[in-house]
Amino acid sequence: MNNRSLHVIKDIYKPYRYTIFGRAHILESTSGNVVVKEKEKDLRSLYQYLESRGFLNYPELLDDTREGINVFEYVPDTKMPKEQKAMDFMKVVALLHQKTTYYREVNEDNFKQIYENILEQIEYLRYFYTDLYERYFKSVYPSPSEYLLLRNISKIFSSLDFASHELETWYRNVQNLSKYRVCQIHNHLSLEHYHKCSKDCLLSWEKSRQDTPVLDLLNFYHCSYFDLNFEVLLQEYFRICPWSEEERQLFFLVISLPLKFEEKGTEFERVKKIREVLDYVFKTENLIRPYYSVQEEQK
């Protein structure tokens, strides 16, 4: 951050309290509270675009004329249950995607690159867990972490089989598409970046770009799957911003990929990490199963 510009802002607002929260500097003064952040991209143009699409859920950019920094309005957050906040948050995200949606012509390499990247992940994870299983299986007296993985390895391989099958089906389906959906994605979604007070605000737009909305929900799921009920959150999201069959299929197959187990730490820490891998697999399977059950009934 440009310290010279930051000192100029301090001289202007004369804060009585100065707080550093992550990469944000919060200045509280008698003339109002502001947030100072390092300037990483042209947010003025982004906000103008969002306003033209009727999306206004972002903090006002008060000053972007200073070298290296942006000054934003300070948006306080209201305390509420996490589940309630997550539901309001999901509505705002769905509106962002719905209001900025448009369609691009398909390049033959677009879907091929996605296919190859996911296939590479599947093959890597299959090799990794196969090697882990073979090493642990040779143990005469398996440790608690080894035993836990050996007892549940079939669930991990089932997830990989499901992802592999769905990837091939998805790739066949998208071969006939001539266009695909693009929208403005936030690209850094978390409940920490959502404040609700006099208005609903998504914060931290520095990583925002135009891409498939699937990426936004993938990122949010991976950082919040354990704490939130995604079944009701997705229902609310799809009510406002429906996805195509191919978009849903891509989302479900990617989240079905198991996490990688990191073989580090004490035995207690290793057991905990394997438990986290298994919890992810079980919770994701429970989220996906009803969707595919409905599909089977329709067939």
Protein backbone atom coordinates (compact mmCIF):
# COMPACT_ATOMS: atom_id res chain seq x y z
CA MET A 1 0.00 0.00 0.00
CA ASN A 2 1.20 3.51 -0.80
CA ASN A 3 2.09 4.95 2.63
CA ARG A 4 2.26 8.52 1.33
CA SER A 5 -1.30 8.37 0.00
CA LEU A 6 -2.43 6.69 3.21
CA HIS A 7 -0.97 9.54 5.29
CA VAL A 8 -2.79 12.07 3.09
CA ILE A 9 -6.11 10.28 3.76
CA LYS A 10 -5.37 10.28 7.49
CA ASP A 11 -4.71 14.02 7.38
CA ILE A 12 -8.03 14.56 5.59
CA TYR A 13 -10.23 12.44 7.87
CA LYS A 14 -8.23 12.84 11.13
CA PRO A 15 -9.40 9.50 12.57
CA TYR A 16 -9.74 9.02 16.30
CA ARG A 17 -9.47 5.25 15.78
CA TYR A 18 -7.46 3.31 13.22
CA THR A 19 -7.96 -0.44 12.72
CA ILE A 20 -6.25 -2.87 10.37
CA PHE A 21 -8.54 -5.75 9.39
CA GLY A 22 -6.82 -8.07 6.94
CA ARG A 23 -5.79 -5.87 4.02
CA ALA A 24 -8.32 -3.18 4.89
CA HIS A 25 -7.53 -0.09 6.98
CA ILE A 26 -10.62 1.25 8.78
CA LEU A 27 -10.55 4.91 9.71
CA GLU A 28 -13.16 6.11 12.23
CA SER A 29 -13.61 9.86 12.48
CA THR A 30 -16.21 12.42 13.48
CA SER A 31 -16.82 13.17 9.78
CA GLY A 32 -17.60 9.53 8.98
CA ASN A 33 -15.93 6.14 8.71
CA VAL A 34 -14.02 5.01 5.62
CA VAL A 35 -12.12 1.93 4.48
CA VAL A 36 -8.77 2.23 2.72
CA LYS A 37 -7.50 -0.64 0.58
CA GLU A 38 -4.65 -1.14 -1.84
CA LYS A 39 -5.64 -0.35 -5.44
CA GLU A 40 -5.41 -3.53 -7.50
CA LYS A 41 -7.75 -2.88 -10.42
CA ASP A 42 -10.09 -0.29 -11.93
CA LEU A 43 -13.07 -0.69 -9.63
CA ARG A 44 -14.68 2.52 -10.87
CA SER A 45 -15.33 0.96 -14.27
CA LEU A 46 -16.53 -2.26 -12.65
CA TYR A 47 -18.99 -0.40 -10.41
CA GLN A 48 -20.28 1.60 -13.37
CA TYR A 49 -20.88 -1.62 -15.25
CA LEU A 50 -22.70 -3.20 -12.29
CA GLU A 51 -24.84 -0.07 -11.91
CA SER A 52 -25.76 -0.22 -15.60
CA ARG A 53 -27.02 -3.77 -15.02
CA GLY A 54 -29.11 -2.71 -12.01
CA PHE A 55 -26.86 -4.30 -9.39
CA LEU A 56 -26.01 -1.90 -6.56
CA ASN A 57 -24.85 -4.20 -3.77
CA TYR A 58 -21.30 -2.90 -3.36
CA PRO A 59 -19.68 -0.24 -1.14
CA GLU A 60 -19.47 3.24 -2.59
CA LEU A 61 -16.04 4.14 -3.96
CA LEU A 62 -15.39 7.54 -2.40
CA ASP A 63 -11.93 8.28 -3.80
CA ASP A 64 -9.83 6.44 -6.37
CA THR A 65 -7.62 9.39 -7.33
CA ARG A 66 -4.85 8.66 -4.82
CA GLU A 67 -1.84 6.71 -5.97
CA GLY A 68 -1.97 3.06 -4.94
CA ILE A 69 -5.12 3.19 -2.76
CA ASN A 70 -8.90 3.24 -2.94
CA VAL A 71 -11.16 4.82 -0.32
CA PHE A 72 -14.56 3.22 0.27
CA GLU A 73 -17.54 3.97 2.43
CA TYR A 74 -17.61 1.91 5.60
CA VAL A 75 -20.54 -0.51 5.63
CA PRO A 76 -21.25 -1.90 9.14
CA ASP A 77 -22.48 -5.42 9.59
CA THR A 78 -25.58 -6.51 11.50
CA LYS A 79 -25.29 -9.45 13.89
CA MET A 80 -27.61 -12.28 12.90
CA PRO A 81 -27.61 -16.10 12.81
CA LYS A 82 -25.08 -17.43 10.30
CA GLU A 83 -27.72 -19.46 8.46
CA GLN A 84 -29.97 -16.43 7.99
CA LYS A 85 -27.05 -14.32 6.79
CA ALA A 86 -26.02 -17.05 4.36
CA MET A 87 -29.51 -17.12 2.84
CA ASP A 88 -29.50 -13.33 2.31
CA PHE A 89 -25.97 -13.59 0.95
CA MET A 90 -27.00 -16.25 -1.57
CA LYS A 91 -29.84 -14.06 -2.83
CA VAL A 92 -27.39 -11.22 -3.52
CA VAL A 93 -24.98 -13.56 -5.33
CA ALA A 94 -27.82 -14.96 -7.46
CA LEU A 95 -28.88 -11.42 -8.39
CA LEU A 96 -25.32 -10.55 -9.37
CA HIS A 97 -25.13 -13.52 -11.72
CA GLN A 98 -28.67 -13.11 -13.06
CA LYS A 99 -28.36 -9.38 -13.79
CA THR A 100 -24.98 -9.63 -15.53
CA THR A 101 -25.61 -12.79 -17.58
CA TYR A 102 -24.86 -12.88 -21.28
CA TYR A 103 -23.80 -15.62 -23.71
CA ARG A 104 -20.56 -16.09 -25.63
CA GLU A 105 -19.88 -18.15 -28.69
CA VAL A 106 -18.21 -21.43 -27.82
CA ASN A 107 -14.58 -21.90 -28.78
CA GLU A 108 -13.83 -25.58 -29.36
CA ASP A 109 -10.99 -25.37 -26.85
CA ASN A 110 -13.11 -23.88 -24.03
CA PHE A 111 -14.77 -27.08 -22.90
CA LYS A 112 -11.81 -29.26 -23.87
CA GLN A 113 -9.54 -27.37 -21.50
CA ILE A 114 -12.04 -27.69 -18.64
CA TYR A 115 -12.40 -31.42 -19.39
CA GLU A 116 -8.66 -32.02 -19.43
CA ASN A 117 -8.05 -30.04 -16.22
CA ILE A 118 -10.70 -31.96 -14.28
CA LEU A 119 -9.59 -35.30 -15.73
CA GLU A 120 -6.05 -34.54 -14.59
CA GLN A 121 -7.32 -33.84 -11.06
CA ILE A 122 -9.29 -37.09 -10.99
CA GLU A 123 -6.34 -39.17 -12.19
CA TYR A 124 -3.99 -37.50 -9.71
CA LEU A 125 -6.33 -38.09 -6.76
CA ARG A 126 -6.94 -41.70 -7.81
CA TYR A 127 -3.19 -42.35 -7.98
CA PHE A 128 -2.61 -40.54 -4.67
CA TYR A 129 -5.24 -42.49 -2.71
CA THR A 130 -4.35 -45.81 -4.38
CA ASP A 131 -0.74 -45.38 -3.31
CA LEU A 132 -1.86 -44.35 0.20
CA TYR A 133 -4.13 -47.39 0.48
CA GLU A 134 -1.43 -49.80 -0.67
CA ARG A 135 1.10 -48.41 1.82
CA TYR A 136 -1.35 -48.46 4.72
CA PHE A 137 -2.62 -51.94 3.84
CA LYS A 138 0.89 -53.35 4.33
CA SER A 139 0.99 -52.12 7.94
CA VAL A 140 0.89 -55.04 10.37
CA TYR A 141 -0.48 -52.76 13.09
CA PRO A 142 -2.17 -49.77 11.38
CA SER A 143 -2.21 -46.51 13.28
CA PRO A 144 -5.61 -44.92 14.03
CA SER A 145 -5.27 -42.61 11.02
CA GLU A 146 -4.29 -45.49 8.72
CA TYR A 147 -7.15 -47.64 10.00
CA LEU A 148 -9.66 -44.81 9.54
CA LEU A 149 -8.62 -44.37 5.91
CA LEU A 150 -8.56 -48.11 5.18
CA ARG A 151 -12.08 -48.51 6.57
CA ASN A 152 -13.48 -45.71 4.41
CA ILE A 153 -11.34 -45.71 1.26
CA SER A 154 -14.21 -47.15 -0.78
CA LYS A 155 -16.18 -43.90 -0.27
CA ILE A 156 -13.28 -41.89 -1.70
CA PHE A 157 -12.96 -44.16 -4.74
CA SER A 158 -16.73 -44.05 -5.24
CA SER A 159 -16.59 -40.27 -5.37
CA LEU A 160 -13.82 -40.42 -7.95
CA ASP A 161 -15.79 -42.95 -10.02
CA PHE A 162 -18.84 -40.71 -9.90
CA ALA A 163 -16.82 -37.66 -10.96
CA SER A 164 -15.17 -39.58 -13.79
CA HIS A 165 -18.51 -40.83 -15.12
CA GLU A 166 -20.18 -37.43 -14.86
CA LEU A 167 -17.22 -35.73 -16.53
CA GLU A 168 -17.55 -37.94 -19.60
CA THR A 169 -21.31 -37.37 -19.70
CA TRP A 170 -20.88 -33.61 -19.30
CA TYR A 171 -18.26 -33.46 -22.05
CA ARG A 172 -20.54 -35.33 -24.47
CA ASN A 173 -23.44 -33.00 -23.64
CA VAL A 174 -21.51 -29.76 -24.17
CA GLN A 175 -20.27 -30.85 -27.60
CA ASN A 176 -23.62 -29.69 -29.04
CA LEU A 177 -23.58 -26.25 -27.40
CA SER A 178 -22.97 -23.19 -29.55
CA LYS A 179 -23.01 -20.69 -26.67
CA TYR A 180 -22.28 -20.69 -22.96
CA ARG A 181 -23.25 -18.39 -20.10
CA VAL A 182 -20.86 -15.74 -18.80
CA CYS A 183 -21.50 -13.24 -16.02
CA GLN A 184 -19.65 -11.01 -13.58
CA ILE A 185 -18.40 -13.25 -10.82
CA HIS A 186 -17.14 -11.96 -7.49
CA ASN A 187 -14.45 -14.66 -7.42
CA HIS A 188 -13.76 -14.32 -3.67
CA LEU A 189 -17.06 -15.25 -2.06
CA SER A 190 -17.33 -15.75 1.68
CA LEU A 191 -19.67 -14.57 4.42
CA GLU A 192 -16.84 -12.34 5.64
CA HIS A 193 -17.15 -10.40 2.39
CA TYR A 194 -20.86 -9.75 2.88
CA HIS A 195 -22.20 -7.04 5.20
CA LYS A 196 -25.88 -6.43 5.81
CA CYS A 197 -27.07 -3.20 7.38
CA SER A 198 -28.97 -0.39 5.66
CA LYS A 199 -28.08 -2.16 2.41
CA ASP A 200 -26.71 -5.53 1.36
CA CYS A 201 -23.06 -5.22 0.32
CA LEU A 202 -20.57 -7.59 -1.25
CA LEU A 203 -17.08 -6.44 -0.34
CA SER A 204 -13.62 -7.09 -1.80
CA TRP A 205 -14.17 -6.97 -5.56
CA GLU A 206 -10.47 -6.93 -6.45
CA LYS A 207 -10.54 -10.47 -7.90
CA SER A 208 -13.81 -10.06 -9.81
CA ARG A 209 -13.92 -11.05 -13.46
CA GLN A 210 -16.31 -12.27 -16.14
CA ASP A 211 -16.60 -16.03 -16.21
CA THR A 212 -19.02 -18.88 -15.56
CA PRO A 213 -21.10 -18.52 -12.37
CA VAL A 214 -20.14 -22.09 -11.51
CA LEU A 215 -16.74 -20.83 -10.32
CA ASP A 216 -18.27 -18.53 -7.71
CA LEU A 217 -20.32 -21.29 -6.13
CA LEU A 218 -17.43 -23.75 -6.28
CA ASN A 219 -15.22 -21.38 -4.32
CA PHE A 220 -17.94 -20.64 -1.80
CA TYR A 221 -18.77 -24.33 -1.32
CA HIS A 222 -15.16 -25.32 -0.72
CA CYS A 223 -14.70 -22.71 2.01
CA SER A 224 -18.11 -23.10 3.71
CA TYR A 225 -19.40 -26.66 3.10
CA PHE A 226 -18.94 -27.75 6.71
CA ASP A 227 -20.76 -24.85 8.40
CA LEU A 228 -23.76 -24.27 6.14
CA ASN A 229 -26.74 -26.19 4.76
CA PHE A 230 -26.07 -25.92 1.03
CA GLU A 231 -29.23 -27.79 0.07
CA VAL A 232 -31.46 -24.83 1.02
CA LEU A 233 -28.89 -22.29 -0.17
CA LEU A 234 -28.75 -23.81 -3.65
CA GLN A 235 -32.53 -24.01 -3.83
CA GLU A 236 -32.73 -20.28 -3.12
CA TYR A 237 -29.97 -19.49 -5.58
CA PHE A 238 -31.52 -21.54 -8.42
CA ARG A 239 -34.91 -19.95 -7.75
CA ILE A 240 -33.45 -16.56 -8.67
CA CYS A 241 -30.79 -17.62 -11.16
CA PRO A 242 -31.61 -20.97 -12.80
CA TRP A 243 -28.75 -22.93 -14.34
CA SER A 244 -28.68 -25.16 -17.37
CA GLU A 245 -28.34 -28.92 -16.95
CA GLU A 246 -24.70 -28.71 -18.07
CA GLU A 247 -23.86 -26.02 -15.50
CA ARG A 248 -25.37 -28.00 -12.65
CA GLN A 249 -23.63 -31.17 -13.78
CA LEU A 250 -20.26 -29.40 -13.92
CA PHE A 251 -20.75 -27.97 -10.42
CA PHE A 252 -21.78 -31.30 -8.90
CA LEU A 253 -18.98 -33.32 -10.48
CA VAL A 254 -16.29 -30.86 -9.38
CA ILE A 255 -17.48 -30.64 -5.76
CA SER A 256 -17.63 -34.45 -5.67
CA LEU A 257 -13.83 -34.60 -6.01
CA PRO A 258 -12.48 -35.55 -2.56
CA LEU A 259 -10.03 -33.29 -0.77
CA LYS A 260 -6.39 -34.32 -0.69
CA PHE A 261 -5.17 -35.69 2.63
CA GLU A 262 -2.01 -33.99 3.87
CA GLU A 263 0.28 -36.50 5.63
CA LYS A 264 1.69 -34.07 8.18
CA GLY A 265 1.54 -33.45 11.90
CA THR A 266 0.92 -35.64 14.93
CA GLU A 267 -1.21 -38.75 14.83
CA PHE A 268 -4.11 -36.82 16.33
CA GLU A 269 -3.76 -34.17 13.61
CA ARG A 270 -3.62 -36.85 10.90
CA VAL A 271 -6.81 -38.49 12.19
CA LYS A 272 -8.48 -35.09 12.21
CA LYS A 273 -7.41 -34.38 8.62
CA ILE A 274 -8.68 -37.75 7.36
CA ARG A 275 -11.94 -37.13 9.21
CA GLU A 276 -12.22 -33.79 7.38
CA VAL A 277 -11.69 -35.54 4.02
CA LEU A 278 -14.39 -38.08 4.85
CA ASP A 279 -16.80 -35.46 6.20
CA TYR A 280 -16.44 -33.57 2.91
CA VAL A 281 -17.21 -36.73 0.92
CA PHE A 282 -20.26 -37.62 3.05
CA LYS A 283 -21.71 -34.10 3.10
CA THR A 284 -21.20 -33.66 -0.65
CA GLU A 285 -22.79 -37.01 -1.42
CA ASN A 286 -25.83 -36.10 0.69
CA LEU A 287 -26.12 -32.79 -1.15
CA ILE A 288 -25.92 -34.35 -4.62
CA ARG A 289 -27.94 -37.54 -4.10
CA PRO A 290 -31.46 -35.96 -4.07
CA TYR A 291 -30.80 -34.21 -7.37
CA TYR A 292 -29.83 -37.44 -9.11
CA SER A 293 -32.65 -39.35 -7.42
CA VAL A 294 -35.14 -36.96 -9.05
CA GLN A 295 -33.45 -37.50 -12.40
CA GLU A 296 -33.79 -41.27 -12.05
CA GLU A 297 -37.48 -40.98 -11.16
CA GLN A 298 -38.11 -38.81 -14.22
CA LYS A 299 -36.45 -41.41 -16.45
